[in-house]
Structures are given as C-alpha cells and as structure tokens.
C-alpha cells in the first residue's frame, strides 16, 4: 500500500477463497485527510506494476510473466483433491474441481462430464425432468458422499466465477466433438490390446485398462446388470459414453469376446 501511495489511507484486505485461484480484495479510499484526492491515473500500469515486481523480487515469488507461472496454473489438474463434504467450504471445493476439469477434458454431454466430476465427488445436476429448473435449463453443482449420494447445499452454476452454466457447457459440447476425435483411435487401440488376452472378470478388465490410464465407469441397472460403460481417458483427457455411435461397437465387442469367459457374460444386459 505504501508503494502505490495508499500507505497512510485506511484500508481493508480480505482473502477470497471461493474461486479456483485464491486472491485478495483491497478496499480503500482515494480521499486523504486534508480532502485532497490521490491521483489514480494509470495506477495499475505504473505504481501497482512496479510494486508487484519489487515484492516478487524481495520475497522470491514466481514472476508473473514467467513460464513457471503458467506451469503452476495448469500443472497436474487431475490430481486435484476430491471435494470432501464437511471438511472444506462447499463452493470453494466445487470451484477448484471445476477449474481443473471443465477446460482440460473433452466431453460432449453432461453425462460424460459427470463421469469425470464424480471421480472428485462432484456432480452437475439439472434436477428432476418435471422440475422448473430442468425445464428452464438451469444447472447446479452438488457434492457427493463416499456412497455417491448428494450432500450439502446445491451451488448455482451462474454463481461460480467461471460461469459453467448449461448454456456455456453446451458450447463446450459442440467444440469437443471435433477436438476429441483423434483420441478415439488411441482408446480403441487400448481396449483391443487388453482384449488380446481376455480378462477373466469385469474387474480384471477394469484394472487392465487402468494400466493404460483409462478409467472405466460401469453403469448398472437396479438388479446389478451392466448396461453400459463410460471411458475416461486420462492420457487424451477425454470422456466417452458408449451409446455414442463410435463406441457402440466397442461395448458389443467386449460383451461378445467375454461371452465364453466364466461369469463374464452374466454381468451384462444383452
């Protein structure tokens, strides 16, 4: 505050945690005790920029223009901690997960996005089809407990800093249809590789694909039968719901190849 000319002014500083990037807000006044106004023309470009560089140098902070800063923002987003209900503030936790997933992964539907988010105990929720929110294309984000049940207060998408509303996500869905196409070949190759030596159980199949950095999310009916799979490709950063045309044949192939294996076919809905 001294460096930008506000050292003798009253001011309030508070830390803002409910966005993906922690930052501070500063509240002050440009009117001095003698009634004169502090000149704020180009204060950001001149005084503030100079102060920022001096502080970075004095305390050994990452320089704002450096490559290291860019790396620190994007590095290892898939390692983001799972949102833990009751252990951290809900909106902050959800925002941190969204910031690590929304722009990094390629998905073309809410179901494919949710397959990823659920790995971090978060889910996007439009409400029941008969609800006003669903009819108005509203969207909230909820935290999940260890059993996958929704807990805590729903957070409106429009209240989150990055604005992950359904309208904005639908734009992502369209963009990602082309962006993720190159990942299909690698996904198919990984599944073919695993099936060269057919697994003896669905668990072995899932674990084998995990070694290929692919997460298989099984979708089951009420009686436990598997009716579909969603693949999360951590290498290609993409999510694939098998009803998607290019993947329909994969599910059928996996089922057919597993028909003669002990107990494998009985898990699937034909």
C-alpha atoms as a PDB file:
ATOM      1  CA  UNK A   1       0.000   0.000   0.000  1.00  0.00           C
ATOM      2  CA  UNK A   2       2.956   2.282   0.682  1.00  0.00           C
ATOM      3  CA  UNK A   3       4.337   1.663  -2.808  1.00  0.00           C
ATOM      4  CA  UNK A   4       1.095   2.616  -4.562  1.00  0.00           C
ATOM      5  CA  UNK A   5       0.599   5.724  -2.434  1.00  0.00           C
ATOM      6  CA  UNK A   6      -2.050   4.412  -0.038  1.00  0.00           C
ATOM      7  CA  UNK A   7       0.135   3.689   2.990  1.00  0.00           C
ATOM      8  CA  UNK A   8      -1.498   6.386   5.125  1.00  0.00           C
ATOM      9  CA  UNK A   9      -5.028   5.624   3.965  1.00  0.00           C
ATOM     10  CA  UNK A  10      -7.466   3.370   5.843  1.00  0.00           C
ATOM     11  CA  UNK A  11      -7.877   0.075   4.014  1.00  0.00           C
ATOM     12  CA  UNK A  12      -9.369  -3.383   4.388  1.00  0.00           C
ATOM     13  CA  UNK A  13      -7.848  -6.514   2.838  1.00  0.00           C
ATOM     14  CA  UNK A  14      -9.561  -9.890   2.709  1.00  0.00           C
ATOM     15  CA  UNK A  15      -8.705 -13.181   1.054  1.00  0.00           C
ATOM     16  CA  UNK A  16     -11.130 -14.651  -1.489  1.00  0.00           C
ATOM     17  CA  UNK A  17     -11.158 -18.475  -1.470  1.00  0.00           C
ATOM     18  CA  UNK A  18     -14.335 -19.418  -3.386  1.00  0.00           C
ATOM     19  CA  UNK A  19     -12.765 -19.070  -6.817  1.00  0.00           C
ATOM     20  CA  UNK A  20     -10.323 -21.576  -8.271  1.00  0.00           C
ATOM     21  CA  UNK A  21      -7.455 -19.090  -7.844  1.00  0.00           C
ATOM     22  CA  UNK A  22      -7.023 -17.626  -4.365  1.00  0.00           C
ATOM     23  CA  UNK A  23      -6.683 -13.852  -4.385  1.00  0.00           C
ATOM     24  CA  UNK A  24      -7.231 -10.775  -2.225  1.00  0.00           C
ATOM     25  CA  UNK A  25      -9.543  -7.795  -2.445  1.00  0.00           C
ATOM     26  CA  UNK A  26      -8.486  -4.380  -1.172  1.00  0.00           C
ATOM     27  CA  UNK A  27     -10.971  -1.697  -0.140  1.00  0.00           C
ATOM     28  CA  UNK A  28      -9.716   1.849   0.461  1.00  0.00           C
ATOM     29  CA  UNK A  29     -10.412   5.497  -0.340  1.00  0.00           C
ATOM     30  CA  UNK A  30      -8.558   7.923  -2.566  1.00  0.00           C
ATOM     31  CA  UNK A  31      -9.614  10.908  -0.462  1.00  0.00           C
ATOM     32  CA  UNK A  32      -6.894  11.968   2.004  1.00  0.00           C
ATOM     33  CA  UNK A  33      -7.499  13.540   5.469  1.00  0.00           C
ATOM     34  CA  UNK A  34      -6.855  17.011   4.044  1.00  0.00           C
ATOM     35  CA  UNK A  35      -9.537  16.489   1.404  1.00  0.00           C
ATOM     36  CA  UNK A  36      -7.131  16.097  -1.484  1.00  0.00           C
ATOM     37  CA  UNK A  37      -7.569  13.183  -3.892  1.00  0.00           C
ATOM     38  CA  UNK A  38      -4.804  10.654  -4.614  1.00  0.00           C
ATOM     39  CA  UNK A  39      -4.191  10.530  -8.352  1.00  0.00           C
ATOM     40  CA  UNK A  40      -5.099   7.064  -9.645  1.00  0.00           C
ATOM     41  CA  UNK A  41      -4.435   7.660 -13.345  1.00  0.00           C
ATOM     42  CA  UNK A  42      -2.619   4.579 -14.696  1.00  0.00           C
ATOM     43  CA  UNK A  43      -2.064   3.338 -11.151  1.00  0.00           C
ATOM     44  CA  UNK A  44      -2.294  -0.266 -12.332  1.00  0.00           C
ATOM     45  CA  UNK A  45       0.289   0.137 -15.080  1.00  0.00           C
ATOM     46  CA  UNK A  46       2.671   2.367 -13.132  1.00  0.00           C
ATOM     47  CA  UNK A  47       2.647   2.186  -9.307  1.00  0.00           C
ATOM     48  CA  UNK A  48       0.972  -1.217  -8.986  1.00  0.00           C
ATOM     49  CA  UNK A  49       3.163  -2.891 -11.603  1.00  0.00           C
ATOM     50  CA  UNK A  50       6.343  -1.510 -10.011  1.00  0.00           C
ATOM     51  CA  UNK A  51       5.185  -2.567  -6.529  1.00  0.00           C
ATOM     52  CA  UNK A  52       4.351  -6.062  -7.753  1.00  0.00           C
ATOM     53  CA  UNK A  53       7.785  -6.568  -9.308  1.00  0.00           C
ATOM     54  CA  UNK A  54       9.570  -5.273  -6.168  1.00  0.00           C
ATOM     55  CA  UNK A  55       7.563  -7.633  -3.927  1.00  0.00           C
ATOM     56  CA  UNK A  56       8.205 -10.618  -6.223  1.00  0.00           C
ATOM     57  CA  UNK A  57      11.929  -9.929  -6.087  1.00  0.00           C
ATOM     58  CA  UNK A  58      12.066  -9.241  -2.346  1.00  0.00           C
ATOM     59  CA  UNK A  59      10.171 -12.399  -1.316  1.00  0.00           C
ATOM     60  CA  UNK A  60      11.324 -14.734  -4.075  1.00  0.00           C
ATOM     61  CA  UNK A  61       7.853 -15.145  -5.597  1.00  0.00           C
ATOM     62  CA  UNK A  62       7.088 -16.569  -9.043  1.00  0.00           C
ATOM     63  CA  UNK A  63       7.385 -13.756 -11.580  1.00  0.00           C
ATOM     64  CA  UNK A  64       4.022 -13.030 -13.195  1.00  0.00           C
ATOM     65  CA  UNK A  65       5.342 -13.007 -16.778  1.00  0.00           C
ATOM     66  CA  UNK A  66       7.381 -16.191 -16.372  1.00  0.00           C
ATOM     67  CA  UNK A  67       6.753 -19.618 -17.858  1.00  0.00           C
ATOM     68  CA  UNK A  68       6.886 -21.060 -14.353  1.00  0.00           C
ATOM     69  CA  UNK A  69       3.657 -19.228 -13.506  1.00  0.00           C
ATOM     70  CA  UNK A  70       1.858 -20.710 -16.493  1.00  0.00           C
ATOM     71  CA  UNK A  71       3.044 -24.156 -15.457  1.00  0.00           C
ATOM     72  CA  UNK A  72       1.906 -23.629 -11.879  1.00  0.00           C
ATOM     73  CA  UNK A  73      -1.596 -22.765 -13.084  1.00  0.00           C
ATOM     74  CA  UNK A  74      -2.041 -25.797 -15.342  1.00  0.00           C
ATOM     75  CA  UNK A  75       0.158 -28.458 -13.738  1.00  0.00           C
ATOM     76  CA  UNK A  76      -1.409 -31.736 -12.618  1.00  0.00           C
ATOM     77  CA  UNK A  77      -5.062 -30.657 -12.530  1.00  0.00           C
ATOM     78  CA  UNK A  78      -6.126 -34.323 -12.497  1.00  0.00           C
ATOM     79  CA  UNK A  79      -4.511 -34.607  -9.078  1.00  0.00           C
ATOM     80  CA  UNK A  80      -6.947 -32.125  -7.576  1.00  0.00           C
ATOM     81  CA  UNK A  81      -8.189 -33.332  -4.207  1.00  0.00           C
ATOM     82  CA  UNK A  82     -11.612 -34.868  -4.060  1.00  0.00           C
ATOM     83  CA  UNK A  83     -14.151 -32.469  -2.641  1.00  0.00           C
ATOM     84  CA  UNK A  84     -14.817 -33.620   0.919  1.00  0.00           C
ATOM     85  CA  UNK A  85     -18.173 -32.598   2.361  1.00  0.00           C
ATOM     86  CA  UNK A  86     -17.841 -31.265   5.884  1.00  0.00           C
ATOM     87  CA  UNK A  87     -14.085 -30.730   5.597  1.00  0.00           C
ATOM     88  CA  UNK A  88     -13.934 -27.692   3.331  1.00  0.00           C
ATOM     89  CA  UNK A  89     -16.212 -24.912   2.183  1.00  0.00           C
ATOM     90  CA  UNK A  90     -18.597 -26.315  -0.446  1.00  0.00           C
ATOM     91  CA  UNK A  91     -18.400 -23.635  -3.126  1.00  0.00           C
ATOM     92  CA  UNK A  92     -14.626 -23.375  -2.936  1.00  0.00           C
ATOM     93  CA  UNK A  93     -14.195 -27.145  -3.196  1.00  0.00           C
ATOM     94  CA  UNK A  94     -16.553 -27.434  -6.153  1.00  0.00           C
ATOM     95  CA  UNK A  95     -14.937 -24.494  -7.922  1.00  0.00           C
ATOM     96  CA  UNK A  96     -11.467 -25.981  -7.552  1.00  0.00           C
ATOM     97  CA  UNK A  97     -12.654 -29.255  -9.115  1.00  0.00           C
ATOM     98  CA  UNK A  98     -14.434 -27.472 -11.971  1.00  0.00           C
ATOM     99  CA  UNK A  99     -11.395 -25.329 -12.737  1.00  0.00           C
ATOM    100  CA  UNK A 100      -9.316 -28.495 -13.042  1.00  0.00           C
ATOM    101  CA  UNK A 101     -11.791 -30.319 -15.278  1.00  0.00           C
ATOM    102  CA  UNK A 102     -14.005 -28.039 -17.406  1.00  0.00           C
ATOM    103  CA  UNK A 103     -11.341 -26.691 -19.769  1.00  0.00           C
ATOM    104  CA  UNK A 104      -8.914 -29.597 -19.586  1.00  0.00           C
ATOM    105  CA  UNK A 105     -11.126 -32.536 -20.585  1.00  0.00           C
ATOM    106  CA  UNK A 106     -13.105 -33.161 -23.751  1.00  0.00           C
ATOM    107  CA  UNK A 107     -16.707 -34.290 -23.290  1.00  0.00           C
ATOM    108  CA  UNK A 108     -19.836 -33.884 -25.412  1.00  0.00           C
ATOM    109  CA  UNK A 109     -22.645 -34.286 -22.908  1.00  0.00           C
ATOM    110  CA  UNK A 110     -23.480 -33.654 -19.284  1.00  0.00           C
ATOM    111  CA  UNK A 111     -23.286 -37.407 -18.653  1.00  0.00           C
ATOM    112  CA  UNK A 112     -19.722 -37.566 -19.959  1.00  0.00           C
ATOM    113  CA  UNK A 113     -18.745 -34.530 -17.891  1.00  0.00           C
ATOM    114  CA  UNK A 114     -20.352 -36.052 -14.806  1.00  0.00           C
ATOM    115  CA  UNK A 115     -18.380 -39.253 -15.264  1.00  0.00           C
ATOM    116  CA  UNK A 116     -15.241 -37.154 -14.696  1.00  0.00           C
ATOM    117  CA  UNK A 117     -16.648 -34.911 -11.966  1.00  0.00           C
ATOM    118  CA  UNK A 118     -17.833 -37.894  -9.935  1.00  0.00           C
ATOM    119  CA  UNK A 119     -14.232 -39.041  -9.607  1.00  0.00           C
ATOM    120  CA  UNK A 120     -13.824 -35.919  -7.461  1.00  0.00           C
ATOM    121  CA  UNK A 121     -17.094 -36.245  -5.516  1.00  0.00           C
ATOM    122  CA  UNK A 122     -18.885 -33.570  -7.538  1.00  0.00           C
ATOM    123  CA  UNK A 123     -21.881 -33.806  -9.868  1.00  0.00           C
ATOM    124  CA  UNK A 124     -23.692 -31.416 -12.211  1.00  0.00           C
ATOM    125  CA  UNK A 125     -27.425 -31.570 -11.519  1.00  0.00           C
ATOM    126  CA  UNK A 126     -30.333 -30.268 -13.615  1.00  0.00           C
ATOM    127  CA  UNK A 127     -32.924 -31.557 -11.172  1.00  0.00           C
ATOM    128  CA  UNK A 128     -35.870 -33.806 -11.998  1.00  0.00           C
ATOM    129  CA  UNK A 129     -37.299 -33.564 -15.507  1.00  0.00           C
ATOM    130  CA  UNK A 130     -40.549 -32.229 -14.080  1.00  0.00           C
ATOM    131  CA  UNK A 131     -38.801 -29.512 -12.071  1.00  0.00           C
ATOM    132  CA  UNK A 132     -38.824 -25.848 -13.026  1.00  0.00           C
ATOM    133  CA  UNK A 133     -35.025 -25.792 -13.001  1.00  0.00           C
ATOM    134  CA  UNK A 134     -34.796 -28.611 -15.544  1.00  0.00           C
ATOM    135  CA  UNK A 135     -37.408 -27.031 -17.826  1.00  0.00           C
ATOM    136  CA  UNK A 136     -35.557 -23.696 -17.690  1.00  0.00           C
ATOM    137  CA  UNK A 137     -32.221 -25.434 -18.395  1.00  0.00           C
ATOM    138  CA  UNK A 138     -30.852 -24.446 -15.015  1.00  0.00           C
ATOM    139  CA  UNK A 139     -27.844 -26.184 -13.511  1.00  0.00           C
ATOM    140  CA  UNK A 140     -26.410 -26.645 -10.041  1.00  0.00           C
ATOM    141  CA  UNK A 141     -23.365 -28.480  -8.751  1.00  0.00           C
ATOM    142  CA  UNK A 142     -23.538 -30.789  -5.750  1.00  0.00           C
ATOM    143  CA  UNK A 143     -21.031 -32.605  -3.586  1.00  0.00           C
ATOM    144  CA  UNK A 144     -21.234 -36.383  -3.238  1.00  0.00           C
ATOM    145  CA  UNK A 145     -20.509 -38.505  -0.195  1.00  0.00           C
ATOM    146  CA  UNK A 146     -18.481 -41.727  -0.293  1.00  0.00           C
ATOM    147  CA  UNK A 147     -21.570 -43.650  -1.442  1.00  0.00           C
ATOM    148  CA  UNK A 148     -22.315 -41.264  -4.300  1.00  0.00           C
ATOM    149  CA  UNK A 149     -25.241 -39.565  -2.561  1.00  0.00           C
ATOM    150  CA  UNK A 150     -25.770 -35.828  -2.991  1.00  0.00           C
ATOM    151  CA  UNK A 151     -24.965 -33.850   0.136  1.00  0.00           C
ATOM    152  CA  UNK A 152     -24.655 -30.234   1.133  1.00  0.00           C
ATOM    153  CA  UNK A 153     -26.111 -27.111  -0.413  1.00  0.00           C
ATOM    154  CA  UNK A 154     -26.528 -27.009  -4.228  1.00  0.00           C
ATOM    155  CA  UNK A 155     -24.381 -24.322  -5.845  1.00  0.00           C
ATOM    156  CA  UNK A 156     -25.865 -22.489  -8.831  1.00  0.00           C
ATOM    157  CA  UNK A 157     -23.634 -22.639 -11.909  1.00  0.00           C
ATOM    158  CA  UNK A 158     -24.263 -18.933 -12.533  1.00  0.00           C
ATOM    159  CA  UNK A 159     -22.800 -18.066  -9.113  1.00  0.00           C
ATOM    160  CA  UNK A 160     -19.446 -19.688  -9.876  1.00  0.00           C
ATOM    161  CA  UNK A 161     -16.638 -17.478 -11.134  1.00  0.00           C
ATOM    162  CA  UNK A 162     -16.010 -19.459 -14.372  1.00  0.00           C
ATOM    163  CA  UNK A 163     -19.748 -19.480 -15.241  1.00  0.00           C
ATOM    164  CA  UNK A 164     -20.155 -23.217 -16.042  1.00  0.00           C
ATOM    165  CA  UNK A 165     -23.839 -22.773 -16.914  1.00  0.00           C
ATOM    166  CA  UNK A 166     -25.608 -25.276 -19.160  1.00  0.00           C
ATOM    167  CA  UNK A 167     -25.627 -22.722 -21.977  1.00  0.00           C
ATOM    168  CA  UNK A 168     -21.849 -22.348 -21.770  1.00  0.00           C
ATOM    169  CA  UNK A 169     -21.280 -26.076 -21.337  1.00  0.00           C
ATOM    170  CA  UNK A 170     -23.352 -26.822 -24.437  1.00  0.00           C
ATOM    171  CA  UNK A 171     -20.913 -24.680 -26.417  1.00  0.00           C
ATOM    172  CA  UNK A 172     -18.138 -26.863 -24.996  1.00  0.00           C
ATOM    173  CA  UNK A 173     -20.020 -29.993 -26.050  1.00  0.00           C
ATOM    174  CA  UNK A 174     -20.018 -28.838 -29.669  1.00  0.00           C
ATOM    175  CA  UNK A 175     -16.374 -27.733 -29.628  1.00  0.00           C
ATOM    176  CA  UNK A 176     -15.256 -31.024 -28.114  1.00  0.00           C
ATOM    177  CA  UNK A 177     -16.913 -33.185 -30.782  1.00  0.00           C
ATOM    178  CA  UNK A 178     -14.086 -32.314 -33.143  1.00  0.00           C
ATOM    179  CA  UNK A 179     -11.344 -31.825 -30.575  1.00  0.00           C
ATOM    180  CA  UNK A 180     -11.578 -35.316 -29.141  1.00  0.00           C
ATOM    181  CA  UNK A 181     -11.827 -37.278 -32.411  1.00  0.00           C
ATOM    182  CA  UNK A 182      -8.073 -38.005 -32.502  1.00  0.00           C
ATOM    183  CA  UNK A 183      -8.424 -39.686 -29.084  1.00  0.00           C
ATOM    184  CA  UNK A 184     -10.781 -42.359 -30.425  1.00  0.00           C
ATOM    185  CA  UNK A 185      -8.015 -44.281 -32.179  1.00  0.00           C
ATOM    186  CA  UNK A 186      -5.930 -44.496 -29.007  1.00  0.00           C
ATOM    187  CA  UNK A 187      -8.916 -45.543 -26.908  1.00  0.00           C
ATOM    188  CA  UNK A 188      -9.874 -48.294 -29.330  1.00  0.00           C
ATOM    189  CA  UNK A 189      -6.254 -49.492 -29.503  1.00  0.00           C
ATOM    190  CA  UNK A 190      -6.051 -49.689 -25.714  1.00  0.00           C
ATOM    191  CA  UNK A 191      -9.242 -51.741 -25.496  1.00  0.00           C
ATOM    192  CA  UNK A 192      -8.089 -54.041 -28.321  1.00  0.00           C
ATOM    193  CA  UNK A 193      -4.760 -54.502 -26.542  1.00  0.00           C
ATOM    194  CA  UNK A 194      -6.444 -55.506 -23.299  1.00  0.00           C
ATOM    195  CA  UNK A 195      -8.759 -57.934 -25.105  1.00  0.00           C
ATOM    196  CA  UNK A 196      -5.876 -59.737 -26.830  1.00  0.00           C
ATOM    197  CA  UNK A 197      -5.554 -61.660 -23.597  1.00  0.00           C
ATOM    198  CA  UNK A 198      -9.191 -61.600 -22.491  1.00  0.00           C
ATOM    199  CA  UNK A 199      -9.662 -60.816 -18.796  1.00  0.00           C
ATOM    200  CA  UNK A 200     -11.346 -63.440 -16.647  1.00  0.00           C
ATOM    201  CA  UNK A 201     -13.671 -60.985 -14.991  1.00  0.00           C
ATOM    202  CA  UNK A 202     -15.033 -57.489 -15.378  1.00  0.00           C
ATOM    203  CA  UNK A 203     -12.798 -56.378 -12.507  1.00  0.00           C
ATOM    204  CA  UNK A 204      -9.738 -57.607 -14.408  1.00  0.00           C
ATOM    205  CA  UNK A 205     -10.939 -55.739 -17.489  1.00  0.00           C
ATOM    206  CA  UNK A 206     -11.296 -52.520 -15.486  1.00  0.00           C
ATOM    207  CA  UNK A 207      -7.877 -52.936 -13.831  1.00  0.00           C
ATOM    208  CA  UNK A 208      -6.202 -53.746 -17.150  1.00  0.00           C
ATOM    209  CA  UNK A 209      -7.494 -50.522 -18.665  1.00  0.00           C
ATOM    210  CA  UNK A 210      -6.384 -48.580 -15.606  1.00  0.00           C
ATOM    211  CA  UNK A 211      -2.826 -49.575 -16.540  1.00  0.00           C
ATOM    212  CA  UNK A 212      -3.497 -47.893 -19.880  1.00  0.00           C
ATOM    213  CA  UNK A 213      -4.595 -44.758 -17.978  1.00  0.00           C
ATOM    214  CA  UNK A 214      -8.258 -45.329 -18.810  1.00  0.00           C
ATOM    215  CA  UNK A 215     -10.932 -45.271 -16.149  1.00  0.00           C
ATOM    216  CA  UNK A 216     -13.980 -47.470 -16.815  1.00  0.00           C
ATOM    217  CA  UNK A 217     -17.175 -46.299 -15.146  1.00  0.00           C
ATOM    218  CA  UNK A 218     -19.717 -49.127 -15.138  1.00  0.00           C
ATOM    219  CA  UNK A 219     -23.386 -48.234 -15.382  1.00  0.00           C
ATOM    220  CA  UNK A 220     -25.618 -50.829 -13.775  1.00  0.00           C
ATOM    221  CA  UNK A 221     -29.345 -51.482 -13.635  1.00  0.00           C
ATOM    222  CA  UNK A 222     -31.198 -51.897 -10.339  1.00  0.00           C
ATOM    223  CA  UNK A 223     -30.524 -55.643 -10.374  1.00  0.00           C
ATOM    224  CA  UNK A 224     -26.798 -55.104 -10.858  1.00  0.00           C
ATOM    225  CA  UNK A 225     -26.582 -55.891 -14.585  1.00  0.00           C
ATOM    226  CA  UNK A 226     -24.175 -53.772 -16.609  1.00  0.00           C
ATOM    227  CA  UNK A 227     -25.963 -51.894 -19.387  1.00  0.00           C
ATOM    228  CA  UNK A 228     -23.164 -49.567 -20.409  1.00  0.00           C
ATOM    229  CA  UNK A 229     -19.719 -48.140 -19.764  1.00  0.00           C
ATOM    230  CA  UNK A 230     -18.159 -44.705 -19.788  1.00  0.00           C
ATOM    231  CA  UNK A 231     -14.458 -44.431 -20.520  1.00  0.00           C
ATOM    232  CA  UNK A 232     -12.336 -41.626 -19.071  1.00  0.00           C
ATOM    233  CA  UNK A 233      -9.084 -41.409 -20.996  1.00  0.00           C
ATOM    234  CA  UNK A 234      -6.613 -39.651 -18.719  1.00  0.00           C
ATOM    235  CA  UNK A 235      -3.924 -39.525 -21.411  1.00  0.00           C
ATOM    236  CA  UNK A 236      -6.127 -37.956 -24.062  1.00  0.00           C
ATOM    237  CA  UNK A 237      -8.128 -36.043 -21.421  1.00  0.00           C
ATOM    238  CA  UNK A 238     -11.455 -37.160 -22.874  1.00  0.00           C
ATOM    239  CA  UNK A 239     -14.638 -38.872 -21.697  1.00  0.00           C
ATOM    240  CA  UNK A 240     -16.652 -41.286 -23.826  1.00  0.00           C
ATOM    241  CA  UNK A 241     -20.169 -42.533 -23.181  1.00  0.00           C
ATOM    242  CA  UNK A 242     -20.603 -45.823 -25.031  1.00  0.00           C
ATOM    243  CA  UNK A 243     -24.006 -45.021 -26.597  1.00  0.00           C
ATOM    244  CA  UNK A 244     -22.025 -42.508 -28.668  1.00  0.00           C
ATOM    245  CA  UNK A 245     -22.032 -44.100 -32.186  1.00  0.00           C
ATOM    246  CA  UNK A 246     -18.258 -44.770 -32.468  1.00  0.00           C
ATOM    247  CA  UNK A 247     -18.315 -46.633 -29.159  1.00  0.00           C
ATOM    248  CA  UNK A 248     -21.453 -48.737 -29.552  1.00  0.00           C
ATOM    249  CA  UNK A 249     -19.493 -51.429 -31.343  1.00  0.00           C
ATOM    250  CA  UNK A 250     -16.879 -51.458 -28.562  1.00  0.00           C
ATOM    251  CA  UNK A 251     -19.385 -52.444 -25.920  1.00  0.00           C
ATOM    252  CA  UNK A 252     -20.760 -55.179 -28.190  1.00  0.00           C
ATOM    253  CA  UNK A 253     -17.269 -56.484 -28.960  1.00  0.00           C
ATOM    254  CA  UNK A 254     -16.333 -56.566 -25.284  1.00  0.00           C
ATOM    255  CA  UNK A 255     -19.513 -58.455 -24.474  1.00  0.00           C
ATOM    256  CA  UNK A 256     -19.094 -60.936 -27.354  1.00  0.00           C
ATOM    257  CA  UNK A 257     -15.476 -61.633 -26.547  1.00  0.00           C
ATOM    258  CA  UNK A 258     -16.376 -62.182 -22.938  1.00  0.00           C
ATOM    259  CA  UNK A 259     -19.344 -64.462 -23.575  1.00  0.00           C
ATOM    260  CA  UNK A 260     -17.355 -67.659 -23.114  1.00  0.00           C
ATOM    261  CA  UNK A 261     -15.485 -66.464 -20.060  1.00  0.00           C
ATOM    262  CA  UNK A 262     -16.531 -67.648 -16.647  1.00  0.00           C
ATOM    263  CA  UNK A 263     -19.260 -65.468 -15.208  1.00  0.00           C
ATOM    264  CA  UNK A 264     -18.440 -62.598 -17.550  1.00  0.00           C
ATOM    265  CA  UNK A 265     -21.479 -62.555 -19.820  1.00  0.00           C
ATOM    266  CA  UNK A 266     -23.932 -62.920 -16.946  1.00  0.00           C
ATOM    267  CA  UNK A 267     -22.967 -59.431 -15.788  1.00  0.00           C
ATOM    268  CA  UNK A 268     -24.242 -57.768 -18.953  1.00  0.00           C
ATOM    269  CA  UNK A 269     -27.660 -56.907 -20.305  1.00  0.00           C
ATOM    270  CA  UNK A 270     -27.780 -58.353 -23.815  1.00  0.00           C
END
